[in-house]
Amino acid sequence: QVQLVESGGGLVQAGGSLRLSCAASGRTFSSYAMAWFRQAPGKEREFVTSISLSGRSTSYAASVKDRFIISIDNAKNTVYLQVNSLKPEDTAVYYCAATRGPYRDSRVAHEYDYWGQGTQVTVSS
């Protein structure tokens, strides 16, 4: 079992930045790929970005590419999401997720085995 706890969300003005964190406990990262998803009110949960355990492979949704950066610190069992140039449409609950096995750029929520409770990001215009 893996437990994921997100933090770092908040209220920010458009154009601002935040750094979200996802701390994992329980089993280590040793054979997981990690991702961030988000869900806005009344909308489906959508893929944001993913990263391999090594950090060498990453993938981004087109809507966040060049604005968001995912990274991983295996020594701390933590995944980070740096969110820059925020827009009101980025407002959502951001969820960290983990899937067993090698990295395969999975962008579908049901392919992830473990989820955090989410952290709210609100961007004001």
Protein backbone atom coordinates (compact mmCIF):
# COMPACT_ATOMS: atom_id res chain seq x y z
CA GLN A 1 0.00 0.00 0.00
CA VAL A 2 1.07 3.54 -0.72
CA GLN A 3 -0.33 6.59 1.01
CA LEU A 4 -0.14 9.91 -0.81
CA VAL A 5 -0.57 13.30 0.84
CA GLU A 6 -0.70 16.49 -1.21
CA SER A 7 0.03 19.98 0.06
CA GLY A 8 0.83 23.43 -1.24
CA GLY A 9 -2.45 24.50 -2.77
CA GLY A 10 -3.99 27.88 -2.14
CA LEU A 11 -5.47 31.04 -3.56
CA VAL A 12 -3.32 32.92 -6.05
CA GLN A 13 -3.83 35.69 -8.57
CA ALA A 14 -3.64 35.03 -12.28
CA GLY A 15 -0.02 34.93 -13.39
CA GLY A 16 1.14 33.68 -10.02
CA SER A 17 2.87 30.46 -9.02
CA LEU A 18 2.59 27.67 -6.49
CA ARG A 19 4.55 24.54 -5.69
CA LEU A 20 2.48 21.48 -4.91
CA SER A 21 3.99 18.54 -3.05
CA CYS A 22 2.98 14.90 -2.86
CA ALA A 23 4.57 12.93 -0.04
CA ALA A 24 4.42 9.15 -0.26
CA SER A 25 4.57 6.74 2.64
CA GLY A 26 4.06 3.04 3.08
CA ARG A 27 5.80 1.15 0.32
CA THR A 28 8.54 3.15 -1.34
CA PHE A 29 8.56 4.47 -4.86
CA SER A 30 10.62 1.51 -6.04
CA SER A 31 8.27 0.38 -8.80
CA TYR A 32 5.79 3.15 -9.38
CA ALA A 33 5.17 5.92 -11.84
CA MET A 34 3.65 9.12 -10.51
CA ALA A 35 1.24 11.67 -11.90
CA TRP A 36 -0.86 14.70 -11.15
CA PHE A 37 -4.47 15.00 -12.19
CA ARG A 38 -6.94 17.79 -11.54
CA GLN A 39 -10.69 18.12 -11.30
CA ALA A 40 -12.65 21.33 -11.63
CA PRO A 41 -16.25 21.61 -10.36
CA GLY A 42 -18.65 19.86 -12.68
CA LYS A 43 -15.87 18.46 -14.85
CA GLU A 44 -14.16 15.11 -15.28
CA ARG A 45 -10.82 14.44 -13.63
CA GLU A 46 -8.13 15.23 -16.17
CA PHE A 47 -4.49 14.32 -16.61
CA VAL A 48 -1.96 17.05 -15.93
CA THR A 49 1.49 15.47 -15.93
CA SER A 50 3.39 12.28 -15.10
CA ILE A 51 6.95 11.28 -14.26
CA SER A 52 9.01 8.14 -14.11
CA LEU A 53 10.76 7.03 -10.95
CA SER A 54 14.11 8.13 -12.35
CA GLY A 55 12.71 11.51 -13.32
CA ARG A 56 14.07 11.11 -16.84
CA SER A 57 10.67 10.61 -18.46
CA THR A 58 7.92 13.17 -18.14
CA SER A 59 4.72 13.97 -19.97
CA TYR A 60 2.41 16.98 -19.89
CA ALA A 61 -1.08 17.82 -21.00
CA ALA A 62 -1.06 20.39 -23.78
CA SER A 63 -2.91 22.89 -21.60
CA VAL A 64 -0.09 23.05 -19.03
CA LYS A 65 3.01 22.36 -21.09
CA ASP A 66 5.63 25.10 -20.70
CA ARG A 67 3.90 26.39 -17.55
CA PHE A 68 4.00 23.42 -15.16
CA ILE A 69 7.03 21.37 -14.15
CA ILE A 70 6.95 17.98 -12.45
CA SER A 71 9.91 16.65 -10.49
CA ILE A 72 10.70 13.85 -8.10
CA ASP A 73 12.94 13.54 -5.05
CA ASN A 74 13.38 9.86 -4.30
CA ALA A 75 15.34 10.54 -1.12
CA LYS A 76 12.26 12.28 0.26
CA ASN A 77 9.68 10.07 -1.45
CA THR A 78 8.12 13.26 -2.75
CA VAL A 79 6.84 14.44 -6.10
CA TYR A 80 6.55 18.15 -6.80
CA LEU A 81 4.48 20.15 -9.24
CA GLN A 82 5.65 23.69 -9.91
CA VAL A 83 2.72 25.58 -11.40
CA ASN A 84 3.57 28.88 -13.05
CA SER A 85 1.71 31.53 -15.04
CA LEU A 86 -1.52 30.37 -13.49
CA LYS A 87 -4.81 31.07 -15.21
CA PRO A 88 -8.35 31.07 -13.79
CA GLU A 89 -9.04 27.91 -15.79
CA ASP A 90 -6.35 26.14 -13.75
CA THR A 91 -8.66 26.34 -10.74
CA ALA A 92 -9.28 22.77 -9.56
CA VAL A 93 -8.51 20.20 -6.93
CA TYR A 94 -5.13 18.73 -7.79
CA TYR A 95 -4.60 15.05 -7.05
CA CYS A 96 -1.41 13.04 -6.86
CA ALA A 97 -1.58 9.48 -8.15
CA ALA A 98 0.68 6.42 -8.34
CA THR A 99 0.59 3.39 -10.59
CA ARG A 100 2.51 0.15 -10.13
CA GLY A 101 4.99 -0.91 -12.75
CA PRO A 102 7.24 0.89 -15.21
CA TYR A 103 6.51 4.32 -16.62
CA ARG A 104 4.22 4.16 -19.62
CA ASP A 105 2.86 7.71 -19.92
CA SER A 106 -0.57 6.69 -18.71
CA ARG A 107 -3.08 9.53 -18.91
CA VAL A 108 -6.17 7.67 -17.79
CA ALA A 109 -7.28 7.99 -14.18
CA HIS A 110 -8.47 4.40 -13.77
CA GLU A 111 -4.99 3.11 -14.59
CA TYR A 112 -3.67 4.61 -11.35
CA ASP A 113 -3.79 2.52 -8.22
CA TYR A 114 -3.32 5.03 -5.42
CA TRP A 115 -4.62 8.55 -4.92
CA GLY A 116 -4.14 11.37 -2.48
CA GLN A 117 -6.95 13.41 -0.98
CA GLY A 118 -6.28 16.42 -3.20
CA THR A 119 -5.23 20.01 -2.67
CA GLN A 120 -7.29 22.98 -3.85
CA VAL A 121 -5.78 25.51 -6.23
CA THR A 122 -7.86 28.62 -6.84
CA VAL A 123 -6.75 31.26 -9.34
CA SER A 124 -8.46 34.64 -9.23
CA SER A 125 -8.64 36.87 -12.28
